[in-house]
Amino acid sequence: MAAEKIKIVIVDDEQDLCFLLSDMLTGLGYEVNSFFTLDTGMTGIQALKPDWVVLDNNLPDGLGWGKTDDILNLIPGVNIIKISANPDSHRNYYKSQVHYLIKPIDVNSIVAFINNSRAAS
């Protein structure tokens, strides 16, 4: 029996970024779903229970990073990659399953977080 695919949810209003990341990550064997607003993203996260969430901060309907605790409480063991175009973004969240990337992001950076997390398990 094959191992279950790692599930990734991307929440970002930059649809081109979502499409490119999703396409590349899917090609690497991950199951990927993208959402373009905070509301639809939170609904998708609750329904899909992903292993990883790639979460933008500035979304049309709110600040994604403010939902970090909600996501961690909703899905124990989930990992979150917070992304921002602002290199000075506030990084005051120090849990081992919360990571940061500055845009533009490289799919290899996401894969490295996943691989490092798996190696540590």
PDB file of N, CA and C in Angstrom:
ATOM      1  N   MET A   1       0.839  -1.179   0.000  1.00  0.00           N
ATOM      2  CA  MET A   1       0.000   0.000   0.000  1.00  0.00           C
ATOM      3  C   MET A   1       0.886   1.245   0.000  1.00  0.00           C
ATOM      4  N   ALA A   2       0.587   2.198  -0.841  1.00  0.00           N
ATOM      5  CA  ALA A   2       1.381   3.427  -0.962  1.00  0.00           C
ATOM      6  C   ALA A   2       1.115   4.343   0.228  1.00  0.00           C
ATOM      7  N   ALA A   3       2.149   5.094   0.600  1.00  0.00           N
ATOM      8  CA  ALA A   3       1.999   6.059   1.694  1.00  0.00           C
ATOM      9  C   ALA A   3       1.075   7.177   1.248  1.00  0.00           C
ATOM     10  N   GLU A   4       0.346   7.742   2.228  1.00  0.00           N
ATOM     11  CA  GLU A   4      -0.532   8.857   1.907  1.00  0.00           C
ATOM     12  C   GLU A   4       0.280  10.060   1.476  1.00  0.00           C
ATOM     13  N   LYS A   5      -0.256  10.798   0.515  1.00  0.00           N
ATOM     14  CA  LYS A   5       0.403  12.026   0.073  1.00  0.00           C
ATOM     15  C   LYS A   5       0.352  13.070   1.170  1.00  0.00           C
ATOM     16  N   ILE A   6       1.400  13.874   1.250  1.00  0.00           N
ATOM     17  CA  ILE A   6       1.401  15.010   2.153  1.00  0.00           C
ATOM     18  C   ILE A   6       0.466  16.054   1.568  1.00  0.00           C
ATOM     19  N   LYS A   7      -0.443  16.560   2.414  1.00  0.00           N
ATOM     20  CA  LYS A   7      -1.433  17.552   1.970  1.00  0.00           C
ATOM     21  C   LYS A   7      -0.952  18.954   2.340  1.00  0.00           C
ATOM     22  N   ILE A   8      -1.012  19.832   1.354  1.00  0.00           N
ATOM     23  CA  ILE A   8      -0.601  21.221   1.526  1.00  0.00           C
ATOM     24  C   ILE A   8      -1.745  22.133   1.104  1.00  0.00           C
ATOM     25  N   VAL A   9      -2.039  23.128   1.934  1.00  0.00           N
ATOM     26  CA  VAL A   9      -3.000  24.170   1.573  1.00  0.00           C
ATOM     27  C   VAL A   9      -2.234  25.480   1.458  1.00  0.00           C
ATOM     28  N   ILE A  10      -2.442  26.187   0.359  1.00  0.00           N
ATOM     29  CA  ILE A  10      -1.849  27.501   0.139  1.00  0.00           C
ATOM     30  C   ILE A  10      -2.967  28.534   0.255  1.00  0.00           C
ATOM     31  N   VAL A  11      -2.745  29.557   1.094  1.00  0.00           N
ATOM     32  CA  VAL A  11      -3.719  30.644   1.239  1.00  0.00           C
ATOM     33  C   VAL A  11      -2.998  31.939   0.878  1.00  0.00           C
ATOM     34  N   ASP A  12      -3.267  32.443  -0.313  1.00  0.00           N
ATOM     35  CA  ASP A  12      -2.613  33.652  -0.813  1.00  0.00           C
ATOM     36  C   ASP A  12      -3.488  34.256  -1.900  1.00  0.00           C
ATOM     37  N   ASP A  13      -3.619  35.574  -1.905  1.00  0.00           N
ATOM     38  CA  ASP A  13      -4.452  36.227  -2.915  1.00  0.00           C
ATOM     39  C   ASP A  13      -3.731  36.395  -4.246  1.00  0.00           C
ATOM     40  N   GLU A  14      -2.443  36.102  -4.302  1.00  0.00           N
ATOM     41  CA  GLU A  14      -1.709  36.148  -5.572  1.00  0.00           C
ATOM     42  C   GLU A  14      -1.953  34.827  -6.303  1.00  0.00           C
ATOM     43  N   GLN A  15      -2.941  34.842  -7.179  1.00  0.00           N
ATOM     44  CA  GLN A  15      -3.354  33.612  -7.840  1.00  0.00           C
ATOM     45  C   GLN A  15      -2.253  33.003  -8.700  1.00  0.00           C
ATOM     46  N   ASP A  16      -1.422  33.829  -9.324  1.00  0.00           N
ATOM     47  CA  ASP A  16      -0.317  33.293 -10.128  1.00  0.00           C
ATOM     48  C   ASP A  16       0.662  32.515  -9.259  1.00  0.00           C
ATOM     49  N   LEU A  17       0.973  33.049  -8.087  1.00  0.00           N
ATOM     50  CA  LEU A  17       1.858  32.361  -7.154  1.00  0.00           C
ATOM     51  C   LEU A  17       1.242  31.030  -6.735  1.00  0.00           C
ATOM     52  N   CYS A  18      -0.036  31.039  -6.404  1.00  0.00           N
ATOM     53  CA  CYS A  18      -0.716  29.806  -6.003  1.00  0.00           C
ATOM     54  C   CYS A  18      -0.666  28.771  -7.118  1.00  0.00           C
ATOM     55  N   PHE A  19      -0.929  29.212  -8.335  1.00  0.00           N
ATOM     56  CA  PHE A  19      -0.923  28.287  -9.473  1.00  0.00           C
ATOM     57  C   PHE A  19       0.464  27.677  -9.673  1.00  0.00           C
ATOM     58  N   LEU A  20       1.491  28.521  -9.666  1.00  0.00           N
ATOM     59  CA  LEU A  20       2.851  28.017  -9.885  1.00  0.00           C
ATOM     60  C   LEU A  20       3.301  27.084  -8.775  1.00  0.00           C
ATOM     61  N   LEU A  21       3.101  27.488  -7.520  1.00  0.00           N
ATOM     62  CA  LEU A  21       3.489  26.624  -6.399  1.00  0.00           C
ATOM     63  C   LEU A  21       2.718  25.313  -6.426  1.00  0.00           C
ATOM     64  N   SER A  22       1.422  25.410  -6.649  1.00  0.00           N
ATOM     65  CA  SER A  22       0.591  24.217  -6.689  1.00  0.00           C
ATOM     66  C   SER A  22       1.050  23.264  -7.787  1.00  0.00           C
ATOM     67  N   ASP A  23       1.319  23.802  -8.952  1.00  0.00           N
ATOM     68  CA  ASP A  23       1.757  22.979 -10.081  1.00  0.00           C
ATOM     69  C   ASP A  23       3.081  22.283  -9.764  1.00  0.00           C
ATOM     70  N   MET A  24       4.027  23.032  -9.212  1.00  0.00           N
ATOM     71  CA  MET A  24       5.330  22.445  -8.908  1.00  0.00           C
ATOM     72  C   MET A  24       5.241  21.410  -7.787  1.00  0.00           C
ATOM     73  N   LEU A  25       4.500  21.734  -6.730  1.00  0.00           N
ATOM     74  CA  LEU A  25       4.385  20.809  -5.603  1.00  0.00           C
ATOM     75  C   LEU A  25       3.607  19.556  -5.981  1.00  0.00           C
ATOM     76  N   THR A  26       2.574  19.714  -6.797  1.00  0.00           N
ATOM     77  CA  THR A  26       1.821  18.555  -7.280  1.00  0.00           C
ATOM     78  C   THR A  26       2.730  17.654  -8.110  1.00  0.00           C
ATOM     79  N   GLY A  27       3.579  18.270  -8.933  1.00  0.00           N
ATOM     80  CA  GLY A  27       4.523  17.507  -9.733  1.00  0.00           C
ATOM     81  C   GLY A  27       5.526  16.724  -8.896  1.00  0.00           C
ATOM     82  N   LEU A  28       5.743  17.173  -7.665  1.00  0.00           N
ATOM     83  CA  LEU A  28       6.650  16.474  -6.746  1.00  0.00           C
ATOM     84  C   LEU A  28       5.917  15.432  -5.890  1.00  0.00           C
ATOM     85  N   GLY A  29       4.618  15.271  -6.143  1.00  0.00           N
ATOM     86  CA  GLY A  29       3.867  14.226  -5.465  1.00  0.00           C
ATOM     87  C   GLY A  29       3.041  14.652  -4.272  1.00  0.00           C
ATOM     88  N   TYR A  30       2.948  15.957  -4.023  1.00  0.00           N
ATOM     89  CA  TYR A  30       2.143  16.438  -2.911  1.00  0.00           C
ATOM     90  C   TYR A  30       0.712  16.694  -3.375  1.00  0.00           C
ATOM     91  N   GLU A  31      -0.232  16.617  -2.453  1.00  0.00           N
ATOM     92  CA  GLU A  31      -1.624  16.986  -2.726  1.00  0.00           C
ATOM     93  C   GLU A  31      -1.782  18.442  -2.318  1.00  0.00           C
ATOM     94  N   VAL A  32      -2.139  19.307  -3.268  1.00  0.00           N
ATOM     95  CA  VAL A  32      -2.147  20.750  -3.018  1.00  0.00           C
ATOM     96  C   VAL A  32      -3.500  21.353  -3.362  1.00  0.00           C
ATOM     97  N   ASN A  33      -3.980  22.232  -2.468  1.00  0.00           N
ATOM     98  CA  ASN A  33      -5.186  23.013  -2.705  1.00  0.00           C
ATOM     99  C   ASN A  33      -4.870  24.465  -2.399  1.00  0.00           C
ATOM    100  N   SER A  34      -5.400  25.376  -3.219  1.00  0.00           N
ATOM    101  CA  SER A  34      -5.151  26.805  -3.032  1.00  0.00           C
ATOM    102  C   SER A  34      -6.450  27.548  -2.766  1.00  0.00           C
ATOM    103  N   PHE A  35      -6.341  28.572  -1.919  1.00  0.00           N
ATOM    104  CA  PHE A  35      -7.466  29.448  -1.598  1.00  0.00           C
ATOM    105  C   PHE A  35      -6.957  30.876  -1.638  1.00  0.00           C
ATOM    106  N   PHE A  36      -7.815  31.821  -2.067  1.00  0.00           N
ATOM    107  CA  PHE A  36      -7.367  33.185  -2.339  1.00  0.00           C
ATOM    108  C   PHE A  36      -7.852  34.215  -1.324  1.00  0.00           C
ATOM    109  N   THR A  37      -8.634  33.785  -0.342  1.00  0.00           N
ATOM    110  CA  THR A  37      -9.073  34.687   0.725  1.00  0.00           C
ATOM    111  C   THR A  37      -8.894  33.968   2.059  1.00  0.00           C
ATOM    112  N   LEU A  38      -8.874  34.727   3.119  1.00  0.00           N
ATOM    113  CA  LEU A  38      -8.736  34.157   4.453  1.00  0.00           C
ATOM    114  C   LEU A  38      -9.941  33.283   4.797  1.00  0.00           C
ATOM    115  N   ASP A  39     -11.128  33.768   4.472  1.00  0.00           N
ATOM    116  CA  ASP A  39     -12.343  33.019   4.797  1.00  0.00           C
ATOM    117  C   ASP A  39     -12.382  31.668   4.088  1.00  0.00           C
ATOM    118  N   THR A  40     -12.156  31.663   2.766  1.00  0.00           N
ATOM    119  CA  THR A  40     -12.188  30.389   2.035  1.00  0.00           C
ATOM    120  C   THR A  40     -11.015  29.504   2.454  1.00  0.00           C
ATOM    121  N   GLY A  41      -9.887  30.113   2.777  1.00  0.00           N
ATOM    122  CA  GLY A  41      -8.730  29.348   3.236  1.00  0.00           C
ATOM    123  C   GLY A  41      -9.003  28.633   4.545  1.00  0.00           C
ATOM    124  N   MET A  42      -9.591  29.335   5.500  1.00  0.00           N
ATOM    125  CA  MET A  42      -9.900  28.718   6.795  1.00  0.00           C
ATOM    126  C   MET A  42     -10.931  27.596   6.638  1.00  0.00           C
ATOM    127  N   THR A  43     -11.910  27.812   5.761  1.00  0.00           N
ATOM    128  CA  THR A  43     -12.898  26.762   5.491  1.00  0.00           C
ATOM    129  C   THR A  43     -12.207  25.547   4.867  1.00  0.00           C
ATOM    130  N   GLY A  44     -11.309  25.795   3.912  1.00  0.00           N
ATOM    131  CA  GLY A  44     -10.576  24.707   3.261  1.00  0.00           C
ATOM    132  C   GLY A  44      -9.660  23.968   4.230  1.00  0.00           C
ATOM    133  N   ILE A  45      -8.989  24.711   5.103  1.00  0.00           N
ATOM    134  CA  ILE A  45      -8.104  24.098   6.090  1.00  0.00           C
ATOM    135  C   ILE A  45      -8.917  23.192   7.016  1.00  0.00           C
ATOM    136  N   GLN A  46     -10.060  23.682   7.460  1.00  0.00           N
ATOM    137  CA  GLN A  46     -10.906  22.885   8.353  1.00  0.00           C
ATOM    138  C   GLN A  46     -11.392  21.609   7.666  1.00  0.00           C
ATOM    139  N   ALA A  47     -11.759  21.710   6.403  1.00  0.00           N
ATOM    140  CA  ALA A  47     -12.292  20.553   5.675  1.00  0.00           C
ATOM    141  C   ALA A  47     -11.198  19.563   5.281  1.00  0.00           C
ATOM    142  N   LEU A  48     -10.051  20.073   4.855  1.00  0.00           N
ATOM    143  CA  LEU A  48      -9.007  19.216   4.290  1.00  0.00           C
ATOM    144  C   LEU A  48      -8.025  18.672   5.324  1.00  0.00           C
ATOM    145  N   LYS A  49      -7.895  19.344   6.461  1.00  0.00           N
ATOM    146  CA  LYS A  49      -6.951  18.944   7.511  1.00  0.00           C
ATOM    147  C   LYS A  49      -5.553  18.665   6.931  1.00  0.00           C
ATOM    148  N   PRO A  50      -4.928  19.690   6.352  1.00  0.00           N
ATOM    149  CA  PRO A  50      -3.627  19.479   5.695  1.00  0.00           C
ATOM    150  C   PRO A  50      -2.506  19.229   6.700  1.00  0.00           C
ATOM    151  N   ASP A  51      -1.402  18.723   6.174  1.00  0.00           N
ATOM    152  CA  ASP A  51      -0.180  18.552   6.963  1.00  0.00           C
ATOM    153  C   ASP A  51       0.584  19.867   7.045  1.00  0.00           C
ATOM    154  N   TRP A  52       0.464  20.667   5.991  1.00  0.00           N
ATOM    155  CA  TRP A  52       1.178  21.938   5.863  1.00  0.00           C
ATOM    156  C   TRP A  52       0.235  23.013   5.359  1.00  0.00           C
ATOM    157  N   VAL A  53       0.413  24.242   5.867  1.00  0.00           N
ATOM    158  CA  VAL A  53      -0.323  25.413   5.383  1.00  0.00           C
ATOM    159  C   VAL A  53       0.705  26.472   5.016  1.00  0.00           C
ATOM    160  N   VAL A  54       0.631  26.964   3.784  1.00  0.00           N
ATOM    161  CA  VAL A  54       1.436  28.105   3.345  1.00  0.00           C
ATOM    162  C   VAL A  54       0.504  29.303   3.424  1.00  0.00           C
ATOM    163  N   LEU A  55       0.816  30.243   4.328  1.00  0.00           N
ATOM    164  CA  LEU A  55      -0.134  31.288   4.700  1.00  0.00           C
ATOM    165  C   LEU A  55       0.439  32.684   4.494  1.00  0.00           C
ATOM    166  N   ASP A  56      -0.166  33.417   3.584  1.00  0.00           N
ATOM    167  CA  ASP A  56       0.194  34.819   3.374  1.00  0.00           C
ATOM    168  C   ASP A  56      -0.411  35.647   4.508  1.00  0.00           C
ATOM    169  N   ASN A  57       0.162  36.807   4.760  1.00  0.00           N
ATOM    170  CA  ASN A  57      -0.355  37.649   5.820  1.00  0.00           C
ATOM    171  C   ASN A  57      -1.427  38.607   5.306  1.00  0.00           C
ATOM    172  N   ASN A  58      -1.102  39.389   4.285  1.00  0.00           N
ATOM    173  CA  ASN A  58      -2.033  40.412   3.791  1.00  0.00           C
ATOM    174  C   ASN A  58      -2.980  39.822   2.760  1.00  0.00           C
ATOM    175  N   LEU A  59      -4.177  39.507   3.226  1.00  0.00           N
ATOM    176  CA  LEU A  59      -5.208  38.946   2.360  1.00  0.00           C
ATOM    177  C   LEU A  59      -6.353  39.947   2.249  1.00  0.00           C
ATOM    178  N   PRO A  60      -7.172  39.852   1.204  1.00  0.00           N
ATOM    179  CA  PRO A  60      -8.217  40.849   0.994  1.00  0.00           C
ATOM    180  C   PRO A  60      -9.202  40.981   2.163  1.00  0.00           C
ATOM    181  N   ASP A  61      -9.375  39.907   2.927  1.00  0.00           N
ATOM    182  CA  ASP A  61     -10.370  39.932   4.000  1.00  0.00           C
ATOM    183  C   ASP A  61      -9.767  39.774   5.399  1.00  0.00           C
ATOM    184  N   GLY A  62      -8.466  40.038   5.526  1.00  0.00           N
ATOM    185  CA  GLY A  62      -7.870  39.986   6.858  1.00  0.00           C
ATOM    186  C   GLY A  62      -6.406  39.609   6.835  1.00  0.00           C
ATOM    187  N   LEU A  63      -5.842  39.529   8.034  1.00  0.00           N
ATOM    188  CA  LEU A  63      -4.433  39.175   8.195  1.00  0.00           C
ATOM    189  C   LEU A  63      -4.313  37.685   8.497  1.00  0.00           C
ATOM    190  N   GLY A  64      -3.726  36.972   7.566  1.00  0.00           N
ATOM    191  CA  GLY A  64      -3.607  35.522   7.695  1.00  0.00           C
ATOM    192  C   GLY A  64      -2.824  35.078   8.912  1.00  0.00           C
ATOM    193  N   TRP A  65      -1.753  35.790   9.235  1.00  0.00           N
ATOM    194  CA  TRP A  65      -0.905  35.375  10.338  1.00  0.00           C
ATOM    195  C   TRP A  65      -1.644  35.402  11.666  1.00  0.00           C
ATOM    196  N   GLY A  66      -2.690  36.201  11.748  1.00  0.00           N
ATOM    197  CA  GLY A  66      -3.488  36.255  12.969  1.00  0.00           C
ATOM    198  C   GLY A  66      -4.285  34.984  13.219  1.00  0.00           C
ATOM    199  N   LYS A  67      -4.352  34.127  12.226  1.00  0.00           N
ATOM    200  CA  LYS A  67      -5.086  32.862  12.351  1.00  0.00           C
ATOM    201  C   LYS A  67      -4.169  31.694  12.717  1.00  0.00           C
ATOM    202  N   THR A  68      -2.907  31.971  12.993  1.00  0.00           N
ATOM    203  CA  THR A  68      -1.950  30.903  13.301  1.00  0.00           C
ATOM    204  C   THR A  68      -2.425  30.025  14.457  1.00  0.00           C
ATOM    205  N   ASP A  69      -2.786  30.637  15.577  1.00  0.00           N
ATOM    206  CA  ASP A  69      -3.238  29.852  16.726  1.00  0.00           C
ATOM    207  C   ASP A  69      -4.485  29.044  16.403  1.00  0.00           C
ATOM    208  N   ASP A  70      -5.418  29.645  15.657  1.00  0.00           N
ATOM    209  CA  ASP A  70      -6.638  28.930  15.284  1.00  0.00           C
ATOM    210  C   ASP A  70      -6.301  27.676  14.478  1.00  0.00           C
ATOM    211  N   ILE A  71      -5.378  27.803  13.532  1.00  0.00           N
ATOM    212  CA  ILE A  71      -4.996  26.664  12.691  1.00  0.00           C
ATOM    213  C   ILE A  71      -4.296  25.594  13.537  1.00  0.00           C
ATOM    214  N   LEU A  72      -3.373  26.014  14.406  1.00  0.00           N
ATOM    215  CA  LEU A  72      -2.661  25.054  15.257  1.00  0.00           C
ATOM    216  C   LEU A  72      -3.620  24.329  16.199  1.00  0.00           C
ATOM    217  N   ASN A  73      -4.629  25.021  16.700  1.00  0.00           N
ATOM    218  CA  ASN A  73      -5.615  24.386  17.575  1.00  0.00           C
ATOM    219  C   ASN A  73      -6.559  23.475  16.806  1.00  0.00           C
ATOM    220  N   LEU A  74      -6.865  23.848  15.567  1.00  0.00           N
ATOM    221  CA  LEU A  74      -7.777  23.076  14.736  1.00  0.00           C
ATOM    222  C   LEU A  74      -7.153  21.756  14.278  1.00  0.00           C
ATOM    223  N   ILE A  75      -5.854  21.805  13.964  1.00  0.00           N
ATOM    224  CA  ILE A  75      -5.173  20.625  13.421  1.00  0.00           C
ATOM    225  C   ILE A  75      -3.874  20.395  14.194  1.00  0.00           C
ATOM    226  N   PRO A  76      -3.924  19.634  15.260  1.00  0.00           N
ATOM    227  CA  PRO A  76      -2.684  19.353  16.003  1.00  0.00           C
ATOM    228  C   PRO A  76      -1.637  18.710  15.092  1.00  0.00           C
ATOM    229  N   GLY A  77      -0.415  19.188  15.180  1.00  0.00           N
ATOM    230  CA  GLY A  77       0.667  18.632  14.364  1.00  0.00           C
ATOM    231  C   GLY A  77       0.850  19.297  13.018  1.00  0.00           C
ATOM    232  N   VAL A  78      -0.050  20.210  12.638  1.00  0.00           N
ATOM    233  CA  VAL A  78       0.097  20.901  11.356  1.00  0.00           C
ATOM    234  C   VAL A  78       1.327  21.799  11.405  1.00  0.00           C
ATOM    235  N   ASN A  79       1.963  21.968  10.263  1.00  0.00           N
ATOM    236  CA  ASN A  79       3.061  22.912  10.112  1.00  0.00           C
ATOM    237  C   ASN A  79       2.576  24.084   9.277  1.00  0.00           C
ATOM    238  N   ILE A  80       3.021  25.277   9.636  1.00  0.00           N
ATOM    239  CA  ILE A  80       2.612  26.487   8.936  1.00  0.00           C
ATOM    240  C   ILE A  80       3.848  27.205   8.425  1.00  0.00           C
ATOM    241  N   ILE A  81       3.821  27.585   7.156  1.00  0.00           N
ATOM    242  CA  ILE A  81       4.866  28.426   6.574  1.00  0.00           C
ATOM    243  C   ILE A  81       4.226  29.780   6.313  1.00  0.00           C
ATOM    244  N   LYS A  82       4.617  30.764   7.117  1.00  0.00           N
ATOM    245  CA  LYS A  82       4.117  32.120   6.929  1.00  0.00           C
ATOM    246  C   LYS A  82       4.961  32.785   5.852  1.00  0.00           C
ATOM    247  N   ILE A  83       4.291  33.398   4.870  1.00  0.00           N
ATOM    248  CA  ILE A  83       5.009  34.064   3.791  1.00  0.00           C
ATOM    249  C   ILE A  83       4.627  35.538   3.766  1.00  0.00           C
ATOM    250  N   SER A  84       5.589  36.359   3.353  1.00  0.00           N
ATOM    251  CA  SER A  84       5.345  37.798   3.268  1.00  0.00           C
ATOM    252  C   SER A  84       6.305  38.409   2.268  1.00  0.00           C
ATOM    253  N   ALA A  85       5.857  39.463   1.618  1.00  0.00           N
ATOM    254  CA  ALA A  85       6.727  40.216   0.722  1.00  0.00           C
ATOM    255  C   ALA A  85       7.555  41.228   1.498  1.00  0.00           C
ATOM    256  N   ASN A  86       7.250  41.400   2.779  1.00  0.00           N
ATOM    257  CA  ASN A  86       7.939  42.372   3.617  1.00  0.00           C
ATOM    258  C   ASN A  86       9.029  41.673   4.425  1.00  0.00           C
ATOM    259  N   PRO A  87      10.297  41.932   4.112  1.00  0.00           N
ATOM    260  CA  PRO A  87      11.377  41.245   4.833  1.00  0.00           C
ATOM    261  C   PRO A  87      11.458  41.622   6.307  1.00  0.00           C
ATOM    262  N   ASP A  88      10.794  42.677   6.705  1.00  0.00           N
ATOM    263  CA  ASP A  88      10.792  43.095   8.106  1.00  0.00           C
ATOM    264  C   ASP A  88       9.539  42.624   8.844  1.00  0.00           C
ATOM    265  N   SER A  89       8.850  41.646   8.278  1.00  0.00           N
ATOM    266  CA  SER A  89       7.627  41.151   8.909  1.00  0.00           C
ATOM    267  C   SER A  89       7.911  40.693  10.330  1.00  0.00           C
ATOM    268  N   HIS A  90       6.970  40.960  11.195  1.00  0.00           N
ATOM    269  CA  HIS A  90       7.106  40.618  12.600  1.00  0.00           C
ATOM    270  C   HIS A  90       7.097  39.097  12.767  1.00  0.00           C
ATOM    271  N   ARG A  91       8.132  38.571  13.409  1.00  0.00           N
ATOM    272  CA  ARG A  91       8.257  37.123  13.583  1.00  0.00           C
ATOM    273  C   ARG A  91       8.276  36.767  15.066  1.00  0.00           C
ATOM    274  N   ASN A  92       7.228  37.056  15.768  1.00  0.00           N
ATOM    275  CA  ASN A  92       7.236  36.833  17.202  1.00  0.00           C
ATOM    276  C   ASN A  92       6.627  35.494  17.606  1.00  0.00           C
ATOM    277  N   TYR A  93       6.463  34.604  16.675  1.00  0.00           N
ATOM    278  CA  TYR A  93       5.831  33.318  16.956  1.00  0.00           C
ATOM    279  C   TYR A  93       6.908  32.247  16.960  1.00  0.00           C
ATOM    280  N   TYR A  94       7.153  31.639  18.094  1.00  0.00           N
ATOM    281  CA  TYR A  94       8.294  30.749  18.222  1.00  0.00           C
ATOM    282  C   TYR A  94       7.905  29.304  18.500  1.00  0.00           C
ATOM    283  N   LYS A  95       7.046  28.758  17.727  1.00  0.00           N
ATOM    284  CA  LYS A  95       6.717  27.343  17.848  1.00  0.00           C
ATOM    285  C   LYS A  95       7.455  26.595  16.750  1.00  0.00           C
ATOM    286  N   SER A  96       7.858  25.377  17.063  1.00  0.00           N
ATOM    287  CA  SER A  96       8.693  24.628  16.121  1.00  0.00           C
ATOM    288  C   SER A  96       7.987  24.320  14.811  1.00  0.00           C
ATOM    289  N   GLN A  97       6.665  24.319  14.796  1.00  0.00           N
ATOM    290  CA  GLN A  97       5.959  24.003  13.555  1.00  0.00           C
ATOM    291  C   GLN A  97       5.558  25.239  12.758  1.00  0.00           C
ATOM    292  N   VAL A  98       6.053  26.421  13.157  1.00  0.00           N
ATOM    293  CA  VAL A  98       5.771  27.656  12.429  1.00  0.00           C
ATOM    294  C   VAL A  98       7.067  28.161  11.810  1.00  0.00           C
ATOM    295  N   HIS A  99       7.037  28.352  10.495  1.00  0.00           N
ATOM    296  CA  HIS A  99       8.221  28.731   9.727  1.00  0.00           C
ATOM    297  C   HIS A  99       7.931  30.013   8.949  1.00  0.00           C
ATOM    298  N   TYR A 100       8.975  30.631   8.411  1.00  0.00           N
ATOM    299  CA  TYR A 100       8.826  31.890   7.681  1.00  0.00           C
ATOM    300  C   TYR A 100       9.596  31.842   6.371  1.00  0.00           C
ATOM    301  N   LEU A 101       9.007  32.419   5.332  1.00  0.00           N
ATOM    302  CA  LEU A 101       9.684  32.635   4.053  1.00  0.00           C
ATOM    303  C   LEU A 101       9.324  34.028   3.553  1.00  0.00           C
ATOM    304  N   ILE A 102      10.293  34.689   2.939  1.00  0.00           N
ATOM    305  CA  ILE A 102      10.076  35.997   2.337  1.00  0.00           C
ATOM    306  C   ILE A 102       9.863  35.806   0.836  1.00  0.00           C
ATOM    307  N   LYS A 103       8.826  36.460   0.298  1.00  0.00           N
ATOM    308  CA  LYS A 103       8.562  36.417  -1.146  1.00  0.00           C
ATOM    309  C   LYS A 103       9.633  37.204  -1.881  1.00  0.00           C
ATOM    310  N   PRO A 104       9.990  36.827  -3.087  1.00  0.00           N
ATOM    311  CA  PRO A 104       9.450  35.677  -3.811  1.00  0.00           C
ATOM    312  C   PRO A 104       9.982  34.377  -3.212  1.00  0.00           C
ATOM    313  N   ILE A 105       9.105  33.388  -3.153  1.00  0.00           N
ATOM    314  CA  ILE A 105       9.511  32.132  -2.555  1.00  0.00           C
ATOM    315  C   ILE A 105       9.817  31.097  -3.623  1.00  0.00           C
ATOM    316  N   ASP A 106      10.649  30.173  -3.249  1.00  0.00           N
ATOM    317  CA  ASP A 106      11.097  29.100  -4.131  1.00  0.00           C
ATOM    318  C   ASP A 106      10.469  27.801  -3.627  1.00  0.00           C
ATOM    319  N   VAL A 107       9.918  27.022  -4.511  1.00  0.00           N
ATOM    320  CA  VAL A 107       9.295  25.763  -4.122  1.00  0.00           C
ATOM    321  C   VAL A 107      10.282  24.881  -3.362  1.00  0.00           C
ATOM    322  N   ASN A 108      11.569  24.981  -3.677  1.00  0.00           N
ATOM    323  CA  ASN A 108      12.567  24.164  -2.982  1.00  0.00           C
ATOM    324  C   ASN A 108      12.654  24.506  -1.499  1.00  0.00           C
ATOM    325  N   SER A 109      12.352  25.752  -1.142  1.00  0.00           N
ATOM    326  CA  SER A 109      12.347  26.143   0.267  1.00  0.00           C
ATOM    327  C   SER A 109      11.227  25.433   1.020  1.00  0.00           C
ATOM    328  N   ILE A 110      10.076  25.316   0.395  1.00  0.00           N
ATOM    329  CA  ILE A 110       8.950  24.614   1.012  1.00  0.00           C
ATOM    330  C   ILE A 110       9.282  23.133   1.155  1.00  0.00           C
ATOM    331  N   VAL A 111       9.824  22.538   0.110  1.00  0.00           N
ATOM    332  CA  VAL A 111      10.195  21.125   0.147  1.00  0.00           C
ATOM    333  C   VAL A 111      11.248  20.888   1.229  1.00  0.00           C
ATOM    334  N   ALA A 112      12.191  21.820   1.400  1.00  0.00           N
ATOM    335  CA  ALA A 112      13.221  21.675   2.435  1.00  0.00           C
ATOM    336  C   ALA A 112      12.587  21.674   3.820  1.00  0.00           C
ATOM    337  N   PHE A 113      11.611  22.549   4.076  1.00  0.00           N
ATOM    338  CA  PHE A 113      10.914  22.534   5.366  1.00  0.00           C
ATOM    339  C   PHE A 113      10.238  21.193   5.596  1.00  0.00           C
ATOM    340  N   ILE A 114       9.561  20.677   4.572  1.00  0.00           N
ATOM    341  CA  ILE A 114       8.855  19.386   4.709  1.00  0.00           C
ATOM    342  C   ILE A 114       9.848  18.273   4.981  1.00  0.00           C
ATOM    343  N   ASN A 115      10.928  18.232   4.212  1.00  0.00           N
ATOM    344  CA  ASN A 115      11.929  17.172   4.402  1.00  0.00           C
ATOM    345  C   ASN A 115      12.605  17.266   5.764  1.00  0.00           C
ATOM    346  N   ASN A 116      12.917  18.473   6.215  1.00  0.00           N
ATOM    347  CA  ASN A 116      13.539  18.642   7.528  1.00  0.00           C
ATOM    348  C   ASN A 116      12.586  18.215   8.643  1.00  0.00           C
ATOM    349  N   SER A 117      11.315  18.505   8.456  1.00  0.00           N
ATOM    350  CA  SER A 117      10.322  18.119   9.449  1.00  0.00           C
ATOM    351  C   SER A 117      10.184  16.598   9.520  1.00  0.00           C
ATOM    352  N   ARG A 118      10.215  15.959   8.372  1.00  0.00           N
ATOM    353  CA  ARG A 118      10.095  14.500   8.322  1.00  0.00           C
ATOM    354  C   ARG A 118      11.327  13.837   8.941  1.00  0.00           C
ATOM    355  N   ALA A 119      12.503  14.409   8.698  1.00  0.00           N
ATOM    356  CA  ALA A 119      13.738  13.854   9.235  1.00  0.00           C
ATOM    357  C   ALA A 119      13.771  13.971  10.761  1.00  0.00           C
ATOM    358  N   ALA A 120      13.159  15.042  11.279  1.00  0.00           N
ATOM    359  CA  ALA A 120      13.153  15.266  12.723  1.00  0.00           C
ATOM    360  C   ALA A 120      12.139  14.375  13.445  1.00  0.00           C
ATOM    361  N   SER A 121      11.190  13.825  12.696  1.00  0.00           N
ATOM    362  CA  SER A 121      10.134  13.003  13.313  1.00  0.00           C
ATOM    363  C   SER A 121      10.653  11.650  13.734  1.00  0.00           C
TER     364      SER A 121
END
